[in-house]
Amino acid sequence: MKRFKWMFAAALGVCLLSGTPVLAQGNGNGHGKGHNKHADDGEDRGGYQYNHHEREIRAWYSQSESHLPLGLAKKDRLPPGLEKQLVRNGTLPPGLQKRLYPAPAELESQLPPPPPGCAHVLVGGNLVLLNRKTNLIVDVFVF
């Protein structure tokens, strides 16, 4: 009987000690997939982030809602699978390269000029800052 109690106590001790690292892991900022995977990377993009100009973009969108340009109309929305591929620092999928529309002049005037080699384009209801040479998505703004 004594041997059973000691074996039980030893097994319980091993279980408690091995469970501690699991509890210490927490909910960190892992390298998961999704739209927001680079939101907290702390990388400076030289002032070319859309979130700094969200107020201007939303104001333009609300004023233009009755006559939206190509790329923002309801018929231009992307299926969820393709929309998940529009992520910052990702590449533009080949199927979407044909569905690009230039950003309207009224919206362009409210945004800072794009970096060299980049352009503001509309893709499936999203405003995308795209490097035209490499098809690298610098930033995405979802309306």
C-alpha atoms as a PDB file:
ATOM      1  CA  MET A   1       0.000   0.000   0.000  1.00  0.00           C
ATOM      2  CA  LYS A   2       2.842   2.380   0.865  1.00  0.00           C
ATOM      3  CA  ARG A   3       4.506   1.639  -2.467  1.00  0.00           C
ATOM      4  CA  PHE A   4       1.261   2.485  -4.329  1.00  0.00           C
ATOM      5  CA  LYS A   5       1.003   5.863  -2.537  1.00  0.00           C
ATOM      6  CA  TRP A   6       4.632   6.731  -3.381  1.00  0.00           C
ATOM      7  CA  MET A   7       4.156   5.748  -7.033  1.00  0.00           C
ATOM      8  CA  PHE A   8       0.951   7.787  -7.206  1.00  0.00           C
ATOM      9  CA  ALA A   9       2.670  10.818  -5.636  1.00  0.00           C
ATOM     10  CA  ALA A  10       5.627  10.513  -8.039  1.00  0.00           C
ATOM     11  CA  ALA A  11       3.333  10.252 -11.090  1.00  0.00           C
ATOM     12  CA  LEU A  12       1.307  13.226  -9.904  1.00  0.00           C
ATOM     13  CA  GLY A  13       4.504  15.255  -9.417  1.00  0.00           C
ATOM     14  CA  VAL A  14       5.729  14.440 -12.935  1.00  0.00           C
ATOM     15  CA  CYS A  15       2.359  15.440 -14.412  1.00  0.00           C
ATOM     16  CA  LEU A  16       2.326  18.752 -12.541  1.00  0.00           C
ATOM     17  CA  LEU A  17       5.883  19.637 -13.547  1.00  0.00           C
ATOM     18  CA  SER A  18       5.368  18.780 -17.212  1.00  0.00           C
ATOM     19  CA  GLY A  19       2.121  20.793 -17.421  1.00  0.00           C
ATOM     20  CA  THR A  20       3.738  24.073 -16.319  1.00  0.00           C
ATOM     21  CA  PRO A  21       5.324  25.012 -19.696  1.00  0.00           C
ATOM     22  CA  VAL A  22       2.006  24.495 -21.435  1.00  0.00           C
ATOM     23  CA  LEU A  23       0.319  26.985 -19.132  1.00  0.00           C
ATOM     24  CA  ALA A  24       3.132  29.505 -19.606  1.00  0.00           C
ATOM     25  CA  GLN A  25       2.736  29.690 -23.390  1.00  0.00           C
ATOM     26  CA  GLY A  26      -0.199  32.101 -23.354  1.00  0.00           C
ATOM     27  CA  ASN A  27      -1.755  33.789 -26.375  1.00  0.00           C
ATOM     28  CA  GLY A  28       1.271  35.314 -28.058  1.00  0.00           C
ATOM     29  CA  ASN A  29       1.620  36.932 -31.433  1.00  0.00           C
ATOM     30  CA  GLY A  30       2.524  33.832 -33.395  1.00  0.00           C
ATOM     31  CA  HIS A  31       3.092  33.548 -37.092  1.00  0.00           C
ATOM     32  CA  GLY A  32      -0.493  32.681 -37.980  1.00  0.00           C
ATOM     33  CA  LYS A  33      -2.137  33.193 -41.312  1.00  0.00           C
ATOM     34  CA  GLY A  34      -4.802  35.756 -42.078  1.00  0.00           C
ATOM     35  CA  HIS A  35      -5.455  39.363 -43.010  1.00  0.00           C
ATOM     36  CA  ASN A  36      -3.967  40.852 -39.890  1.00  0.00           C
ATOM     37  CA  LYS A  37      -0.801  38.786 -39.589  1.00  0.00           C
ATOM     38  CA  HIS A  38       1.557  41.754 -40.042  1.00  0.00           C
ATOM     39  CA  ALA A  39      -0.396  44.306 -38.042  1.00  0.00           C
ATOM     40  CA  ASP A  40       1.980  44.374 -35.076  1.00  0.00           C
ATOM     41  CA  ASP A  41       5.286  43.730 -36.798  1.00  0.00           C
ATOM     42  CA  GLY A  42       6.494  47.256 -35.979  1.00  0.00           C
ATOM     43  CA  GLU A  43       7.970  47.713 -39.417  1.00  0.00           C
ATOM     44  CA  ASP A  44       8.175  51.295 -40.602  1.00  0.00           C
ATOM     45  CA  ARG A  45       6.823  51.679 -44.137  1.00  0.00           C
ATOM     46  CA  GLY A  46       7.851  55.272 -44.618  1.00  0.00           C
ATOM     47  CA  GLY A  47       4.379  56.755 -44.050  1.00  0.00           C
ATOM     48  CA  TYR A  48       2.685  54.663 -46.733  1.00  0.00           C
ATOM     49  CA  GLN A  49       0.218  52.889 -44.471  1.00  0.00           C
ATOM     50  CA  TYR A  50      -3.455  53.354 -45.210  1.00  0.00           C
ATOM     51  CA  ASN A  51      -4.423  53.234 -41.541  1.00  0.00           C
ATOM     52  CA  HIS A  52      -2.892  56.717 -41.113  1.00  0.00           C
ATOM     53  CA  HIS A  53      -5.362  58.024 -43.714  1.00  0.00           C
ATOM     54  CA  GLU A  54      -8.403  55.970 -42.783  1.00  0.00           C
ATOM     55  CA  ARG A  55     -10.548  59.036 -42.016  1.00  0.00           C
ATOM     56  CA  GLU A  56      -9.954  60.563 -45.470  1.00  0.00           C
ATOM     57  CA  ILE A  57     -10.575  57.271 -47.264  1.00  0.00           C
ATOM     58  CA  ARG A  58     -13.808  56.579 -45.389  1.00  0.00           C
ATOM     59  CA  ALA A  59     -15.022  60.164 -45.985  1.00  0.00           C
ATOM     60  CA  TRP A  60     -14.399  59.810 -49.729  1.00  0.00           C
ATOM     61  CA  TYR A  61     -16.158  56.436 -49.765  1.00  0.00           C
ATOM     62  CA  SER A  62     -19.249  57.734 -47.972  1.00  0.00           C
ATOM     63  CA  GLN A  63     -19.488  60.708 -50.356  1.00  0.00           C
ATOM     64  CA  SER A  64     -19.049  58.489 -53.432  1.00  0.00           C
ATOM     65  CA  GLU A  65     -21.251  55.602 -52.326  1.00  0.00           C
ATOM     66  CA  SER A  66     -23.980  56.395 -54.855  1.00  0.00           C
ATOM     67  CA  HIS A  67     -21.587  56.290 -57.835  1.00  0.00           C
ATOM     68  CA  LEU A  68     -18.749  53.933 -56.973  1.00  0.00           C
ATOM     69  CA  PRO A  69     -16.061  53.361 -59.621  1.00  0.00           C
ATOM     70  CA  LEU A  70     -15.102  49.999 -61.108  1.00  0.00           C
ATOM     71  CA  GLY A  71     -13.342  47.878 -58.542  1.00  0.00           C
ATOM     72  CA  LEU A  72     -15.553  49.028 -55.663  1.00  0.00           C
ATOM     73  CA  ALA A  73     -19.028  48.200 -56.955  1.00  0.00           C
ATOM     74  CA  LYS A  74     -20.923  45.243 -55.452  1.00  0.00           C
ATOM     75  CA  LYS A  75     -20.362  43.185 -58.599  1.00  0.00           C
ATOM     76  CA  ASP A  76     -16.589  43.558 -58.190  1.00  0.00           C
ATOM     77  CA  ARG A  77     -16.396  41.902 -54.750  1.00  0.00           C
ATOM     78  CA  LEU A  78     -14.012  38.990 -54.412  1.00  0.00           C
ATOM     79  CA  PRO A  79     -14.902  35.537 -53.152  1.00  0.00           C
ATOM     80  CA  PRO A  80     -13.640  34.950 -49.587  1.00  0.00           C
ATOM     81  CA  GLY A  81     -10.833  32.645 -50.744  1.00  0.00           C
ATOM     82  CA  LEU A  82      -9.352  35.271 -53.043  1.00  0.00           C
ATOM     83  CA  GLU A  83      -9.852  38.088 -50.538  1.00  0.00           C
ATOM     84  CA  LYS A  84      -7.762  36.177 -47.988  1.00  0.00           C
ATOM     85  CA  GLN A  85      -4.864  36.281 -50.451  1.00  0.00           C
ATOM     86  CA  LEU A  86      -4.771  40.089 -50.369  1.00  0.00           C
ATOM     87  CA  VAL A  87      -2.353  40.508 -47.476  1.00  0.00           C
ATOM     88  CA  ARG A  88       0.356  43.043 -46.766  1.00  0.00           C
ATOM     89  CA  ASN A  89       3.768  41.891 -48.047  1.00  0.00           C
ATOM     90  CA  GLY A  90       2.079  39.174 -50.097  1.00  0.00           C
ATOM     91  CA  THR A  91       2.038  38.952 -53.869  1.00  0.00           C
ATOM     92  CA  LEU A  92      -0.981  39.647 -56.003  1.00  0.00           C
ATOM     93  CA  PRO A  93      -2.457  36.352 -57.238  1.00  0.00           C
ATOM     94  CA  PRO A  94      -2.226  35.951 -61.035  1.00  0.00           C
ATOM     95  CA  GLY A  95      -6.010  35.787 -61.437  1.00  0.00           C
ATOM     96  CA  LEU A  96      -6.434  39.201 -59.833  1.00  0.00           C
ATOM     97  CA  GLN A  97      -3.885  40.964 -62.024  1.00  0.00           C
ATOM     98  CA  LYS A  98      -6.607  41.363 -64.664  1.00  0.00           C
ATOM     99  CA  ARG A  99      -9.099  42.809 -62.169  1.00  0.00           C
ATOM    100  CA  LEU A 100      -7.066  45.899 -61.236  1.00  0.00           C
ATOM    101  CA  TYR A 101      -8.568  49.350 -61.626  1.00  0.00           C
ATOM    102  CA  PRO A 102      -6.743  52.623 -61.022  1.00  0.00           C
ATOM    103  CA  ALA A 103      -7.839  54.555 -57.953  1.00  0.00           C
ATOM    104  CA  PRO A 104     -10.090  57.532 -58.774  1.00  0.00           C
ATOM    105  CA  ALA A 105      -8.426  60.944 -58.977  1.00  0.00           C
ATOM    106  CA  GLU A 106     -10.551  62.286 -56.075  1.00  0.00           C
ATOM    107  CA  LEU A 107      -9.252  59.524 -53.807  1.00  0.00           C
ATOM    108  CA  GLU A 108      -5.667  59.844 -55.078  1.00  0.00           C
ATOM    109  CA  SER A 109      -5.683  63.536 -54.173  1.00  0.00           C
ATOM    110  CA  GLN A 110      -6.463  62.696 -50.517  1.00  0.00           C
ATOM    111  CA  LEU A 111      -3.679  60.115 -50.188  1.00  0.00           C
ATOM    112  CA  PRO A 112       0.067  60.705 -50.062  1.00  0.00           C
ATOM    113  CA  PRO A 113       1.875  60.006 -53.326  1.00  0.00           C
ATOM    114  CA  PRO A 114       2.785  56.335 -53.663  1.00  0.00           C
ATOM    115  CA  PRO A 115       6.430  55.269 -53.395  1.00  0.00           C
ATOM    116  CA  PRO A 116       8.399  54.983 -56.642  1.00  0.00           C
ATOM    117  CA  GLY A 117       7.239  52.026 -58.718  1.00  0.00           C
ATOM    118  CA  CYS A 118       3.979  51.685 -56.756  1.00  0.00           C
ATOM    119  CA  ALA A 119       0.392  52.672 -57.476  1.00  0.00           C
ATOM    120  CA  HIS A 120      -2.938  52.919 -55.653  1.00  0.00           C
ATOM    121  CA  VAL A 121      -5.311  50.419 -57.292  1.00  0.00           C
ATOM    122  CA  LEU A 122      -8.759  49.013 -56.578  1.00  0.00           C
ATOM    123  CA  VAL A 123      -9.138  45.232 -56.428  1.00  0.00           C
ATOM    124  CA  GLY A 124     -12.449  43.642 -55.507  1.00  0.00           C
ATOM    125  CA  GLY A 125     -13.635  46.315 -53.096  1.00  0.00           C
ATOM    126  CA  ASN A 126     -10.193  46.918 -51.582  1.00  0.00           C
ATOM    127  CA  LEU A 127      -7.770  49.789 -51.959  1.00  0.00           C
ATOM    128  CA  VAL A 128      -4.331  48.284 -52.551  1.00  0.00           C
ATOM    129  CA  LEU A 129      -0.923  49.941 -52.650  1.00  0.00           C
ATOM    130  CA  LEU A 130       0.792  47.745 -55.205  1.00  0.00           C
ATOM    131  CA  ASN A 131       4.362  47.583 -56.455  1.00  0.00           C
ATOM    132  CA  ARG A 132       3.726  47.359 -60.204  1.00  0.00           C
ATOM    133  CA  LYS A 133       7.053  45.716 -61.060  1.00  0.00           C
ATOM    134  CA  THR A 134       6.991  42.862 -58.539  1.00  0.00           C
ATOM    135  CA  ASN A 135       3.210  42.659 -57.833  1.00  0.00           C
ATOM    136  CA  LEU A 136       4.045  42.965 -54.124  1.00  0.00           C
ATOM    137  CA  ILE A 137       1.185  44.259 -51.989  1.00  0.00           C
ATOM    138  CA  VAL A 138       2.599  47.047 -49.824  1.00  0.00           C
ATOM    139  CA  ASP A 139      -0.672  47.793 -47.992  1.00  0.00           C
ATOM    140  CA  VAL A 140      -4.388  46.945 -48.178  1.00  0.00           C
ATOM    141  CA  PHE A 141      -7.424  48.942 -47.081  1.00  0.00           C
ATOM    142  CA  VAL A 142     -10.735  47.062 -46.928  1.00  0.00           C
ATOM    143  CA  PHE A 143     -13.846  49.211 -47.356  1.00  0.00           C
END
